[in-house]
């Protein structure tokens, strides 16, 4: 039961942080305004692109989870020590990337979708949605995929918990932020999240990895 709670909380934390990263939803707000979509249309497009993004992550995550599950059946050390350690090391790597990024004041490694170029290239709503969905599908969340390896220590239950929570929290979170954004984007103060997403993700990964190690003991 303790392991289930740990995996549940870790999934929620990673999913919430993941959904709040501006480059997942801010382009949708901008495109919706440029194209003069209604709030309902923008939210529907958000749900579609969010599903494309989460499905690709879940598919890869299931494969990673199955590998972890097979290994855990034979090698206790891998699933209970190595997997959480990998999360911690990935978190440290994210912190280092954030440190490097913060030292470069005039260069920004944004992964935002180029809204102007996308709208100009794609004239119809269908083509815009298709382009967004394809872009999101081929941008799976590495943090969650790695977490599948840790979650697989309790078998299919862990894989299902991560998949369900990640799917719904990410999509609902994106839609909520898009809704807030369409009502008044100037009220959103998420510059810190936008520019320090690696720092936030790194801290969460380290916390989740440490939590996993503590639970084992």
N, C-alpha and C. Protein backbone atom coordinates (compact mmCIF):
# COMPACT_ATOMS: atom_id res chain seq x y z
N UNK A 1 0.83 -1.21 0.00
CA UNK A 1 0.00 0.00 0.00
C UNK A 1 0.87 1.26 0.00
N UNK A 2 1.96 1.21 0.75
CA UNK A 2 2.86 2.36 0.83
C UNK A 2 3.47 2.67 -0.54
N UNK A 3 3.83 1.60 -1.26
CA UNK A 3 4.42 1.78 -2.59
C UNK A 3 3.39 2.36 -3.55
N UNK A 4 2.14 1.95 -3.44
CA UNK A 4 1.07 2.46 -4.31
C UNK A 4 0.85 3.95 -4.08
N UNK A 5 0.83 4.35 -2.80
CA UNK A 5 0.65 5.76 -2.46
C UNK A 5 1.81 6.59 -3.01
N UNK A 6 3.03 6.04 -2.88
CA UNK A 6 4.22 6.74 -3.38
C UNK A 6 4.15 6.95 -4.89
N UNK A 7 3.75 5.91 -5.60
CA UNK A 7 3.64 6.00 -7.06
C UNK A 7 2.52 6.95 -7.46
N UNK A 8 1.42 6.93 -6.73
CA UNK A 8 0.30 7.83 -6.99
C UNK A 8 0.73 9.29 -6.81
N UNK A 9 1.37 9.59 -5.69
CA UNK A 9 1.79 10.97 -5.42
C UNK A 9 2.83 11.43 -6.43
N UNK A 10 3.76 10.54 -6.75
CA UNK A 10 4.79 10.89 -7.74
C UNK A 10 4.18 11.18 -9.10
N UNK A 11 3.20 10.40 -9.48
CA UNK A 11 2.52 10.60 -10.77
C UNK A 11 1.79 11.93 -10.81
N UNK A 12 1.13 12.26 -9.72
CA UNK A 12 0.39 13.53 -9.64
C UNK A 12 1.36 14.71 -9.73
N UNK A 13 2.45 14.65 -8.98
CA UNK A 13 3.42 15.74 -8.98
C UNK A 13 4.01 15.97 -10.36
N UNK A 14 4.47 14.90 -10.99
CA UNK A 14 5.07 15.02 -12.32
C UNK A 14 4.06 15.52 -13.35
N UNK A 15 2.82 15.04 -13.25
CA UNK A 15 1.79 15.42 -14.21
C UNK A 15 1.38 16.88 -14.06
N UNK A 16 1.27 17.35 -12.82
CA UNK A 16 0.89 18.74 -12.58
C UNK A 16 1.96 19.68 -13.11
N UNK A 17 3.22 19.38 -12.79
CA UNK A 17 4.33 20.21 -13.28
C UNK A 17 4.37 20.18 -14.79
N UNK A 18 4.19 19.01 -15.35
CA UNK A 18 4.25 18.84 -16.80
C UNK A 18 3.16 19.65 -17.49
N UNK A 19 1.94 19.60 -16.97
CA UNK A 19 0.83 20.31 -17.59
C UNK A 19 0.99 21.82 -17.49
N UNK A 20 1.66 22.29 -16.43
CA UNK A 20 1.78 23.74 -16.20
C UNK A 20 2.87 24.41 -17.04
N UNK A 21 3.74 23.63 -17.69
CA UNK A 21 4.79 24.23 -18.51
C UNK A 21 4.14 25.00 -19.66
N UNK A 22 4.41 26.29 -19.79
CA UNK A 22 3.74 27.14 -20.77
C UNK A 22 3.80 26.66 -22.22
N UNK A 23 4.91 26.04 -22.63
CA UNK A 23 4.98 25.64 -24.04
C UNK A 23 4.05 24.50 -24.38
N UNK A 24 3.31 23.98 -23.38
CA UNK A 24 2.32 22.95 -23.65
C UNK A 24 0.94 23.53 -23.95
N UNK A 25 0.69 24.74 -23.47
CA UNK A 25 -0.65 25.29 -23.61
C UNK A 25 -0.70 26.74 -24.11
N UNK A 26 0.38 27.51 -23.86
CA UNK A 26 0.38 28.91 -24.26
C UNK A 26 0.23 29.11 -25.77
N UNK A 27 0.88 28.27 -26.62
CA UNK A 27 0.68 28.42 -28.07
C UNK A 27 -0.77 28.24 -28.48
N UNK A 28 -1.48 27.39 -27.74
CA UNK A 28 -2.89 27.15 -28.06
C UNK A 28 -3.73 28.40 -27.77
N UNK A 29 -3.39 29.10 -26.69
CA UNK A 29 -4.08 30.36 -26.38
C UNK A 29 -3.82 31.37 -27.48
N UNK A 30 -2.55 31.48 -27.88
CA UNK A 30 -2.17 32.45 -28.92
C UNK A 30 -2.83 32.14 -30.25
N UNK A 31 -2.82 30.87 -30.65
CA UNK A 31 -3.42 30.47 -31.93
C UNK A 31 -4.93 30.70 -31.89
N UNK A 32 -5.55 30.37 -30.75
CA UNK A 32 -6.98 30.58 -30.62
C UNK A 32 -7.36 32.03 -30.81
N UNK A 33 -6.53 32.93 -30.32
CA UNK A 33 -6.80 34.36 -30.46
C UNK A 33 -6.57 34.83 -31.89
N UNK A 34 -5.46 34.37 -32.48
CA UNK A 34 -5.15 34.75 -33.86
C UNK A 34 -6.25 34.29 -34.81
N UNK A 35 -6.71 33.06 -34.59
CA UNK A 35 -7.73 32.48 -35.47
C UNK A 35 -9.16 32.85 -35.07
N UNK A 36 -9.26 33.59 -33.96
CA UNK A 36 -10.57 34.02 -33.44
C UNK A 36 -11.49 32.83 -33.15
N UNK A 37 -10.91 31.79 -32.57
CA UNK A 37 -11.72 30.64 -32.16
C UNK A 37 -12.49 31.01 -30.90
N UNK A 38 -13.62 30.37 -30.70
CA UNK A 38 -14.35 30.55 -29.46
C UNK A 38 -13.60 29.80 -28.36
N UNK A 39 -13.96 30.08 -27.13
CA UNK A 39 -13.31 29.40 -26.01
C UNK A 39 -13.53 27.89 -26.11
N UNK A 40 -14.74 27.50 -26.51
CA UNK A 40 -15.05 26.08 -26.64
C UNK A 40 -14.18 25.42 -27.70
N UNK A 41 -14.00 26.09 -28.84
CA UNK A 41 -13.17 25.55 -29.92
C UNK A 41 -11.72 25.39 -29.45
N UNK A 42 -11.21 26.38 -28.74
CA UNK A 42 -9.83 26.34 -28.26
C UNK A 42 -9.65 25.20 -27.26
N UNK A 43 -10.64 25.01 -26.40
CA UNK A 43 -10.55 23.93 -25.40
C UNK A 43 -10.61 22.56 -26.07
N UNK A 44 -11.43 22.43 -27.10
CA UNK A 44 -11.51 21.16 -27.82
C UNK A 44 -10.17 20.84 -28.49
N UNK A 45 -9.58 21.85 -29.11
CA UNK A 45 -8.27 21.67 -29.76
C UNK A 45 -7.22 21.32 -28.71
N UNK A 46 -7.32 21.95 -27.54
CA UNK A 46 -6.38 21.65 -26.46
C UNK A 46 -6.50 20.19 -26.04
N UNK A 47 -7.74 19.71 -25.92
CA UNK A 47 -7.96 18.32 -25.54
C UNK A 47 -7.38 17.37 -26.58
N UNK A 48 -7.57 17.69 -27.86
CA UNK A 48 -7.08 16.84 -28.94
C UNK A 48 -5.56 16.77 -28.93
N UNK A 49 -4.92 17.93 -28.87
CA UNK A 49 -3.45 17.96 -28.88
C UNK A 49 -2.88 17.38 -27.59
N UNK A 50 -3.59 17.60 -26.48
CA UNK A 50 -3.16 17.02 -25.21
C UNK A 50 -3.20 15.51 -25.24
N UNK A 51 -4.23 14.96 -25.87
CA UNK A 51 -4.34 13.50 -26.00
C UNK A 51 -3.23 12.95 -26.88
N UNK A 52 -2.91 13.66 -27.95
CA UNK A 52 -1.84 13.21 -28.84
C UNK A 52 -0.51 13.16 -28.08
N UNK A 53 -0.29 14.16 -27.25
CA UNK A 53 0.95 14.23 -26.47
C UNK A 53 1.02 13.13 -25.42
N UNK A 54 -0.06 12.96 -24.68
CA UNK A 54 -0.05 11.97 -23.60
C UNK A 54 -0.04 10.54 -24.12
N UNK A 55 -0.72 10.30 -25.24
CA UNK A 55 -0.77 8.94 -25.78
C UNK A 55 0.62 8.46 -26.18
N UNK A 56 1.40 9.32 -26.83
CA UNK A 56 2.75 8.91 -27.25
C UNK A 56 3.62 8.63 -26.02
N UNK A 57 3.49 9.45 -24.99
CA UNK A 57 4.26 9.23 -23.76
C UNK A 57 3.85 7.93 -23.09
N UNK A 58 2.55 7.68 -23.05
CA UNK A 58 2.04 6.47 -22.40
C UNK A 58 2.49 5.21 -23.16
N UNK A 59 2.44 5.24 -24.48
CA UNK A 59 2.85 4.08 -25.27
C UNK A 59 4.31 3.71 -25.01
N UNK A 60 5.16 4.73 -25.03
CA UNK A 60 6.58 4.49 -24.75
C UNK A 60 6.76 4.08 -23.29
N UNK A 61 5.99 4.73 -22.40
CA UNK A 61 6.08 4.42 -20.98
C UNK A 61 5.70 2.99 -20.66
N UNK A 62 4.69 2.47 -21.34
CA UNK A 62 4.27 1.08 -21.12
C UNK A 62 5.40 0.12 -21.48
N UNK A 63 6.07 0.40 -22.60
CA UNK A 63 7.20 -0.44 -23.01
C UNK A 63 8.30 -0.39 -21.94
N UNK A 64 8.61 0.83 -21.47
CA UNK A 64 9.62 1.00 -20.43
C UNK A 64 9.19 0.28 -19.15
N UNK A 65 7.90 0.41 -18.83
CA UNK A 65 7.37 -0.24 -17.64
C UNK A 65 7.44 -1.76 -17.71
N UNK A 66 7.14 -2.32 -18.87
CA UNK A 66 7.20 -3.77 -19.03
C UNK A 66 8.63 -4.29 -18.90
N UNK A 67 9.58 -3.52 -19.45
CA UNK A 67 10.99 -3.90 -19.31
C UNK A 67 11.38 -3.87 -17.83
N UNK A 68 10.96 -2.81 -17.14
CA UNK A 68 11.26 -2.70 -15.72
C UNK A 68 10.61 -3.81 -14.92
N UNK A 69 9.39 -4.19 -15.29
CA UNK A 69 8.68 -5.25 -14.58
C UNK A 69 9.37 -6.60 -14.76
N UNK A 70 9.80 -6.87 -15.97
CA UNK A 70 10.50 -8.13 -16.25
C UNK A 70 11.81 -8.21 -15.47
N UNK A 71 12.51 -7.08 -15.41
CA UNK A 71 13.77 -7.05 -14.68
C UNK A 71 13.54 -7.17 -13.18
N UNK A 72 12.44 -6.56 -12.70
CA UNK A 72 12.17 -6.59 -11.27
C UNK A 72 11.83 -7.99 -10.77
N UNK A 73 11.32 -8.84 -11.67
CA UNK A 73 11.00 -10.20 -11.30
C UNK A 73 12.26 -10.99 -10.96
N UNK A 74 13.37 -10.62 -11.58
CA UNK A 74 14.63 -11.34 -11.40
C UNK A 74 15.63 -10.57 -10.57
N UNK A 75 15.65 -9.23 -10.76
CA UNK A 75 16.66 -8.42 -10.10
C UNK A 75 16.01 -7.37 -9.20
N UNK A 76 15.89 -7.69 -7.94
CA UNK A 76 15.29 -6.77 -6.95
C UNK A 76 16.05 -5.45 -6.93
N UNK A 77 17.38 -5.53 -7.02
CA UNK A 77 18.24 -4.35 -6.93
C UNK A 77 17.91 -3.33 -8.01
N UNK A 78 17.59 -3.82 -9.23
CA UNK A 78 17.32 -2.91 -10.35
C UNK A 78 16.06 -2.10 -10.13
N UNK A 79 14.99 -2.77 -9.75
CA UNK A 79 13.70 -2.09 -9.62
C UNK A 79 13.59 -1.24 -8.35
N UNK A 80 14.28 -1.65 -7.29
CA UNK A 80 14.13 -0.96 -6.02
C UNK A 80 15.25 0.02 -5.69
N UNK A 81 16.38 -0.11 -6.35
CA UNK A 81 17.50 0.79 -6.09
C UNK A 81 17.89 1.57 -7.34
N UNK A 82 18.11 0.85 -8.44
CA UNK A 82 18.58 1.50 -9.67
C UNK A 82 17.53 2.45 -10.23
N UNK A 83 16.27 2.01 -10.31
CA UNK A 83 15.20 2.84 -10.91
C UNK A 83 15.05 4.18 -10.19
N UNK A 84 14.92 4.20 -8.84
CA UNK A 84 14.84 5.50 -8.16
C UNK A 84 16.10 6.35 -8.34
N UNK A 85 17.26 5.67 -8.39
CA UNK A 85 18.52 6.38 -8.57
C UNK A 85 18.57 7.07 -9.93
N UNK A 86 18.01 6.40 -10.95
CA UNK A 86 17.95 6.99 -12.29
C UNK A 86 17.12 8.28 -12.26
N UNK A 87 16.01 8.26 -11.52
CA UNK A 87 15.18 9.46 -11.38
C UNK A 87 15.98 10.59 -10.75
N UNK A 88 16.72 10.27 -9.70
CA UNK A 88 17.51 11.28 -9.00
C UNK A 88 18.59 11.85 -9.92
N UNK A 89 19.27 10.98 -10.64
CA UNK A 89 20.33 11.42 -11.56
C UNK A 89 19.76 12.29 -12.68
N UNK A 90 18.58 11.92 -13.18
CA UNK A 90 17.93 12.73 -14.21
C UNK A 90 17.58 14.09 -13.64
N UNK A 91 17.11 14.10 -12.39
CA UNK A 91 16.79 15.36 -11.73
C UNK A 91 18.02 16.24 -11.59
N UNK A 92 19.14 15.64 -11.20
CA UNK A 92 20.40 16.39 -11.08
C UNK A 92 20.82 16.94 -12.44
N UNK A 93 20.64 16.13 -13.49
CA UNK A 93 20.99 16.59 -14.84
C UNK A 93 20.14 17.79 -15.23
N UNK A 94 18.85 17.78 -14.85
CA UNK A 94 17.96 18.90 -15.15
C UNK A 94 18.41 20.15 -14.39
N UNK A 95 18.83 19.96 -13.14
CA UNK A 95 19.30 21.10 -12.36
C UNK A 95 20.56 21.71 -13.00
N UNK A 96 21.43 20.84 -13.49
CA UNK A 96 22.65 21.32 -14.15
C UNK A 96 22.31 22.09 -15.43
N UNK A 97 21.33 21.57 -16.19
CA UNK A 97 20.90 22.25 -17.41
C UNK A 97 20.32 23.62 -17.08
N UNK A 98 19.57 23.66 -15.99
CA UNK A 98 18.98 24.94 -15.58
C UNK A 98 20.08 25.92 -15.18
N UNK A 99 21.10 25.41 -14.49
CA UNK A 99 22.23 26.24 -14.07
C UNK A 99 22.95 26.80 -15.29
N UNK A 100 23.19 25.95 -16.30
CA UNK A 100 23.84 26.40 -17.52
C UNK A 100 22.99 27.44 -18.23
N UNK A 101 21.68 27.17 -18.28
CA UNK A 101 20.75 28.06 -18.97
C UNK A 101 20.71 29.43 -18.29
N UNK A 102 20.75 29.43 -16.96
CA UNK A 102 20.67 30.70 -16.22
C UNK A 102 21.91 31.56 -16.41
N UNK A 103 23.02 30.92 -16.79
CA UNK A 103 24.26 31.66 -17.01
C UNK A 103 24.27 32.37 -18.36
N UNK A 104 23.42 31.90 -19.26
CA UNK A 104 23.34 32.50 -20.60
C UNK A 104 22.14 33.45 -20.60
N UNK A 105 22.37 34.68 -20.33
CA UNK A 105 21.28 35.63 -20.12
C UNK A 105 20.59 36.05 -21.41
N UNK A 106 21.30 35.98 -22.52
CA UNK A 106 20.72 36.50 -23.77
C UNK A 106 20.39 35.40 -24.77
N UNK A 107 20.51 34.16 -24.34
CA UNK A 107 20.15 33.05 -25.22
C UNK A 107 19.14 32.20 -24.50
N UNK A 108 18.05 31.90 -25.18
CA UNK A 108 16.98 31.13 -24.57
C UNK A 108 16.64 29.94 -25.43
N UNK A 109 16.60 28.77 -24.79
CA UNK A 109 16.31 27.54 -25.51
C UNK A 109 14.83 27.21 -25.39
N UNK A 110 14.01 28.04 -25.95
CA UNK A 110 12.57 27.80 -25.88
C UNK A 110 12.18 26.69 -26.84
N UNK A 111 11.18 25.94 -26.44
CA UNK A 111 10.66 24.90 -27.33
C UNK A 111 9.24 25.24 -27.74
N UNK A 112 8.93 26.54 -27.67
CA UNK A 112 7.59 26.97 -28.05
C UNK A 112 7.32 26.67 -29.52
N UNK A 113 6.07 26.47 -29.82
CA UNK A 113 5.65 26.35 -31.21
C UNK A 113 5.63 27.75 -31.81
N UNK A 114 6.18 27.90 -32.99
CA UNK A 114 6.17 29.20 -33.67
C UNK A 114 4.76 29.46 -34.18
N UNK A 115 4.01 30.21 -33.39
CA UNK A 115 2.60 30.44 -33.70
C UNK A 115 2.40 31.11 -35.04
N UNK A 116 3.16 32.19 -35.30
CA UNK A 116 2.99 32.94 -36.55
C UNK A 116 3.27 32.05 -37.76
N UNK A 117 4.35 31.29 -37.70
CA UNK A 117 4.72 30.42 -38.82
C UNK A 117 3.70 29.32 -39.01
N UNK A 118 3.21 28.78 -37.91
CA UNK A 118 2.23 27.69 -38.00
C UNK A 118 0.94 28.15 -38.63
N UNK A 119 0.45 29.30 -38.20
CA UNK A 119 -0.80 29.82 -38.74
C UNK A 119 -0.65 30.20 -40.21
N UNK A 120 0.50 30.78 -40.55
CA UNK A 120 0.74 31.21 -41.93
C UNK A 120 0.83 30.00 -42.86
N UNK A 121 1.49 28.95 -42.38
CA UNK A 121 1.68 27.75 -43.20
C UNK A 121 0.40 26.95 -43.34
N UNK A 122 -0.38 26.89 -42.28
CA UNK A 122 -1.62 26.11 -42.28
C UNK A 122 -2.81 27.05 -42.30
N UNK A 123 -3.54 27.05 -43.40
CA UNK A 123 -4.62 28.01 -43.58
C UNK A 123 -5.93 27.59 -42.93
N UNK A 124 -6.17 26.29 -42.80
CA UNK A 124 -7.44 25.83 -42.26
C UNK A 124 -7.29 25.36 -40.82
N UNK A 125 -8.41 25.33 -40.12
CA UNK A 125 -8.41 24.88 -38.73
C UNK A 125 -7.94 23.43 -38.64
N UNK A 126 -8.40 22.60 -39.58
CA UNK A 126 -8.03 21.19 -39.57
C UNK A 126 -6.53 21.01 -39.72
N UNK A 127 -5.92 21.77 -40.61
CA UNK A 127 -4.48 21.64 -40.83
C UNK A 127 -3.69 22.14 -39.62
N UNK A 128 -4.19 23.18 -38.97
CA UNK A 128 -3.53 23.70 -37.77
C UNK A 128 -3.58 22.67 -36.65
N UNK A 129 -4.76 22.09 -36.44
CA UNK A 129 -4.92 21.09 -35.39
C UNK A 129 -4.06 19.87 -35.68
N UNK A 130 -4.01 19.46 -36.94
CA UNK A 130 -3.19 18.30 -37.33
C UNK A 130 -1.72 18.56 -37.05
N UNK A 131 -1.25 19.75 -37.44
CA UNK A 131 0.16 20.10 -37.23
C UNK A 131 0.48 20.15 -35.74
N UNK A 132 -0.41 20.74 -34.95
CA UNK A 132 -0.20 20.79 -33.50
C UNK A 132 -0.16 19.40 -32.89
N UNK A 133 -1.08 18.54 -33.30
CA UNK A 133 -1.16 17.18 -32.76
C UNK A 133 0.08 16.37 -33.10
N UNK A 134 0.53 16.50 -34.33
CA UNK A 134 1.75 15.78 -34.75
C UNK A 134 2.95 16.26 -33.94
N UNK A 135 3.06 17.59 -33.79
CA UNK A 135 4.18 18.15 -33.03
C UNK A 135 4.17 17.67 -31.58
N UNK A 136 2.98 17.62 -30.98
CA UNK A 136 2.86 17.18 -29.60
C UNK A 136 3.07 15.68 -29.46
N UNK A 137 2.63 14.92 -30.46
CA UNK A 137 2.79 13.46 -30.42
C UNK A 137 4.26 13.08 -30.41
N UNK A 138 5.05 13.80 -31.18
CA UNK A 138 6.48 13.49 -31.27
C UNK A 138 7.32 14.27 -30.25
N UNK A 139 6.66 14.72 -29.17
CA UNK A 139 7.37 15.38 -28.08
C UNK A 139 6.96 14.73 -26.75
N UNK A 140 7.22 13.44 -26.59
CA UNK A 140 6.83 12.74 -25.36
C UNK A 140 7.57 13.27 -24.14
N UNK A 141 6.99 13.07 -22.98
CA UNK A 141 7.56 13.56 -21.72
C UNK A 141 8.56 12.56 -21.16
N UNK A 142 9.83 12.90 -21.19
CA UNK A 142 10.90 12.00 -20.75
C UNK A 142 10.78 11.69 -19.26
N UNK A 143 10.44 12.70 -18.45
CA UNK A 143 10.35 12.50 -17.02
C UNK A 143 9.36 11.39 -16.66
N UNK A 144 8.19 11.44 -17.28
CA UNK A 144 7.16 10.44 -16.98
C UNK A 144 7.57 9.07 -17.49
N UNK A 145 8.20 9.02 -18.66
CA UNK A 145 8.64 7.74 -19.20
C UNK A 145 9.62 7.05 -18.26
N UNK A 146 10.54 7.82 -17.70
CA UNK A 146 11.51 7.26 -16.75
C UNK A 146 10.79 6.78 -15.49
N UNK A 147 9.75 7.52 -15.10
CA UNK A 147 9.01 7.15 -13.88
C UNK A 147 8.29 5.82 -14.04
N UNK A 148 7.94 5.47 -15.26
CA UNK A 148 7.31 4.17 -15.50
C UNK A 148 8.21 3.03 -15.02
N UNK A 149 9.51 3.22 -15.16
CA UNK A 149 10.46 2.18 -14.75
C UNK A 149 10.37 1.93 -13.25
N UNK A 150 10.23 3.03 -12.50
CA UNK A 150 10.09 2.91 -11.05
C UNK A 150 8.73 2.33 -10.67
N UNK A 151 7.69 2.80 -11.34
CA UNK A 151 6.33 2.36 -11.02
C UNK A 151 6.11 0.88 -11.33
N UNK A 152 6.87 0.34 -12.27
CA UNK A 152 6.67 -1.05 -12.70
C UNK A 152 7.05 -2.06 -11.64
N UNK A 153 7.66 -1.60 -10.55
CA UNK A 153 8.06 -2.54 -9.50
C UNK A 153 6.86 -3.22 -8.85
N UNK A 154 5.68 -2.61 -8.98
CA UNK A 154 4.47 -3.27 -8.45
C UNK A 154 3.62 -3.83 -9.60
N UNK A 155 4.26 -3.97 -10.76
CA UNK A 155 3.60 -4.61 -11.89
C UNK A 155 2.66 -3.71 -12.67
N UNK A 156 1.65 -4.35 -13.27
CA UNK A 156 0.71 -3.62 -14.12
C UNK A 156 -0.05 -2.54 -13.36
N UNK A 157 -0.26 -2.74 -12.07
CA UNK A 157 -0.97 -1.74 -11.28
C UNK A 157 -0.23 -0.40 -11.31
N UNK A 158 1.10 -0.45 -11.15
CA UNK A 158 1.89 0.77 -11.19
C UNK A 158 1.84 1.44 -12.55
N UNK A 159 1.93 0.63 -13.61
CA UNK A 159 1.88 1.15 -14.97
C UNK A 159 0.53 1.82 -15.25
N UNK A 160 -0.53 1.20 -14.78
CA UNK A 160 -1.88 1.74 -14.99
C UNK A 160 -2.07 3.03 -14.20
N UNK A 161 -1.59 3.06 -12.96
CA UNK A 161 -1.72 4.26 -12.13
C UNK A 161 -1.07 5.45 -12.80
N UNK A 162 0.18 5.28 -13.25
CA UNK A 162 0.90 6.37 -13.91
C UNK A 162 0.17 6.81 -15.18
N UNK A 163 -0.27 5.84 -15.98
CA UNK A 163 -0.92 6.15 -17.26
C UNK A 163 -2.21 6.94 -17.07
N UNK A 164 -3.05 6.47 -16.16
CA UNK A 164 -4.35 7.12 -15.94
C UNK A 164 -4.18 8.53 -15.37
N UNK A 165 -3.35 8.65 -14.34
CA UNK A 165 -3.15 9.96 -13.71
C UNK A 165 -2.51 10.94 -14.69
N UNK A 166 -1.48 10.48 -15.40
CA UNK A 166 -0.79 11.35 -16.35
C UNK A 166 -1.74 11.82 -17.45
N UNK A 167 -2.54 10.91 -17.96
CA UNK A 167 -3.47 11.23 -19.05
C UNK A 167 -4.46 12.31 -18.62
N UNK A 168 -5.15 12.08 -17.53
CA UNK A 168 -6.22 13.00 -17.12
C UNK A 168 -5.69 14.30 -16.51
N UNK A 169 -4.67 14.21 -15.67
CA UNK A 169 -4.14 15.43 -15.04
C UNK A 169 -3.52 16.36 -16.08
N UNK A 170 -2.79 15.79 -17.03
CA UNK A 170 -2.16 16.61 -18.06
C UNK A 170 -3.19 17.31 -18.93
N UNK A 171 -4.16 16.57 -19.43
CA UNK A 171 -5.17 17.15 -20.32
C UNK A 171 -6.05 18.16 -19.59
N UNK A 172 -6.53 17.79 -18.41
CA UNK A 172 -7.37 18.70 -17.63
C UNK A 172 -6.58 19.95 -17.24
N UNK A 173 -5.32 19.75 -16.86
CA UNK A 173 -4.47 20.89 -16.48
C UNK A 173 -4.25 21.84 -17.65
N UNK A 174 -3.97 21.28 -18.82
CA UNK A 174 -3.78 22.11 -20.02
C UNK A 174 -5.05 22.88 -20.35
N UNK A 175 -6.19 22.21 -20.28
CA UNK A 175 -7.47 22.86 -20.60
C UNK A 175 -7.79 23.96 -19.60
N UNK A 176 -7.48 23.72 -18.33
CA UNK A 176 -7.74 24.73 -17.30
C UNK A 176 -6.90 25.96 -17.54
N UNK A 177 -5.61 25.76 -17.85
CA UNK A 177 -4.72 26.89 -18.08
C UNK A 177 -5.08 27.64 -19.36
N UNK A 178 -5.51 26.90 -20.39
CA UNK A 178 -5.95 27.54 -21.63
C UNK A 178 -7.20 28.37 -21.37
N UNK A 179 -8.11 27.84 -20.58
CA UNK A 179 -9.33 28.58 -20.24
C UNK A 179 -8.99 29.87 -19.51
N UNK A 180 -8.11 29.79 -18.53
CA UNK A 180 -7.68 30.98 -17.80
C UNK A 180 -6.99 31.96 -18.74
N UNK A 181 -6.16 31.40 -19.62
CA UNK A 181 -5.41 32.24 -20.56
C UNK A 181 -6.30 32.98 -21.54
N UNK A 182 -7.33 32.31 -22.03
CA UNK A 182 -8.23 32.95 -22.99
C UNK A 182 -9.07 34.04 -22.33
N UNK A 183 -9.27 33.91 -21.03
CA UNK A 183 -10.08 34.91 -20.31
C UNK A 183 -9.26 36.13 -19.92
N UNK A 184 -7.96 35.98 -19.87
CA UNK A 184 -7.11 37.12 -19.50
C UNK A 184 -5.69 36.69 -19.26
N UNK A 185 -4.93 36.54 -20.33
CA UNK A 185 -3.57 36.02 -20.22
C UNK A 185 -2.67 36.94 -19.42
N UNK A 186 -3.00 38.23 -19.37
CA UNK A 186 -2.17 39.16 -18.63
C UNK A 186 -2.17 38.87 -17.13
N UNK A 187 -3.17 38.11 -16.68
CA UNK A 187 -3.25 37.80 -15.26
C UNK A 187 -2.36 36.63 -14.86
N UNK A 188 -1.84 35.93 -15.87
CA UNK A 188 -1.00 34.78 -15.57
C UNK A 188 0.44 35.22 -15.31
N UNK A 189 0.98 34.83 -14.19
CA UNK A 189 2.35 35.18 -13.84
C UNK A 189 3.19 33.89 -13.82
N UNK A 190 3.43 33.35 -15.02
CA UNK A 190 4.12 32.07 -15.10
C UNK A 190 5.48 32.17 -15.77
N UNK A 191 6.08 33.36 -15.76
CA UNK A 191 7.39 33.51 -16.36
C UNK A 191 8.42 32.63 -15.68
N UNK A 192 8.29 32.50 -14.36
CA UNK A 192 9.23 31.67 -13.62
C UNK A 192 9.15 30.22 -14.09
N UNK A 193 7.92 29.72 -14.24
CA UNK A 193 7.72 28.35 -14.70
C UNK A 193 8.27 28.18 -16.10
N UNK A 194 8.04 29.19 -16.94
CA UNK A 194 8.47 29.11 -18.33
C UNK A 194 9.98 29.04 -18.45
N UNK A 195 10.68 29.84 -17.66
CA UNK A 195 12.13 29.93 -17.79
C UNK A 195 12.88 28.97 -16.87
N UNK A 196 12.19 28.42 -15.86
CA UNK A 196 12.86 27.52 -14.92
C UNK A 196 12.19 26.16 -14.87
N UNK A 197 11.62 25.73 -15.99
CA UNK A 197 10.93 24.44 -16.00
C UNK A 197 11.88 23.29 -15.69
N UNK A 198 13.14 23.40 -16.11
CA UNK A 198 14.12 22.34 -15.83
C UNK A 198 14.44 22.28 -14.34
N UNK A 199 14.52 23.44 -13.71
CA UNK A 199 14.76 23.49 -12.27
C UNK A 199 13.62 22.82 -11.51
N UNK A 200 12.38 23.18 -11.87
CA UNK A 200 11.21 22.62 -11.20
C UNK A 200 11.13 21.12 -11.43
N UNK A 201 11.30 20.69 -12.70
CA UNK A 201 11.23 19.26 -13.02
C UNK A 201 12.34 18.50 -12.30
N UNK A 202 13.53 19.09 -12.26
CA UNK A 202 14.66 18.44 -11.60
C UNK A 202 14.39 18.21 -10.12
N UNK A 203 13.87 19.23 -9.45
CA UNK A 203 13.56 19.11 -8.02
C UNK A 203 12.51 18.02 -7.78
N UNK A 204 11.46 18.02 -8.62
CA UNK A 204 10.40 17.02 -8.48
C UNK A 204 10.96 15.62 -8.68
N UNK A 205 11.81 15.42 -9.69
CA UNK A 205 12.38 14.10 -9.96
C UNK A 205 13.25 13.62 -8.79
N UNK A 206 14.03 14.53 -8.23
CA UNK A 206 14.87 14.16 -7.09
C UNK A 206 14.01 13.79 -5.89
N UNK A 207 12.98 14.57 -5.64
CA UNK A 207 12.08 14.29 -4.51
C UNK A 207 11.39 12.94 -4.70
N UNK A 208 10.89 12.70 -5.91
CA UNK A 208 10.20 11.44 -6.20
C UNK A 208 11.16 10.25 -6.07
N UNK A 209 12.38 10.43 -6.58
CA UNK A 209 13.37 9.35 -6.50
C UNK A 209 13.75 9.05 -5.06
N UNK A 210 13.96 10.09 -4.25
CA UNK A 210 14.29 9.90 -2.84
C UNK A 210 13.13 9.25 -2.10
N UNK A 211 11.91 9.66 -2.42
CA UNK A 211 10.73 9.09 -1.81
C UNK A 211 10.65 7.60 -2.09
N UNK A 212 10.96 7.22 -3.35
CA UNK A 212 10.94 5.82 -3.75
C UNK A 212 11.97 5.01 -2.95
N UNK A 213 13.16 5.58 -2.76
CA UNK A 213 14.20 4.89 -2.01
C UNK A 213 13.82 4.74 -0.54
N UNK A 214 13.23 5.80 0.03
CA UNK A 214 12.84 5.78 1.44
C UNK A 214 11.77 4.74 1.69
N UNK A 215 10.81 4.64 0.77
CA UNK A 215 9.71 3.68 0.93
C UNK A 215 10.25 2.26 0.99
N UNK A 216 11.32 2.00 0.24
CA UNK A 216 11.87 0.65 0.22
C UNK A 216 12.47 0.25 1.55
N UNK A 217 12.79 1.24 2.36
CA UNK A 217 13.40 0.95 3.64
C UNK A 217 12.48 1.34 4.80
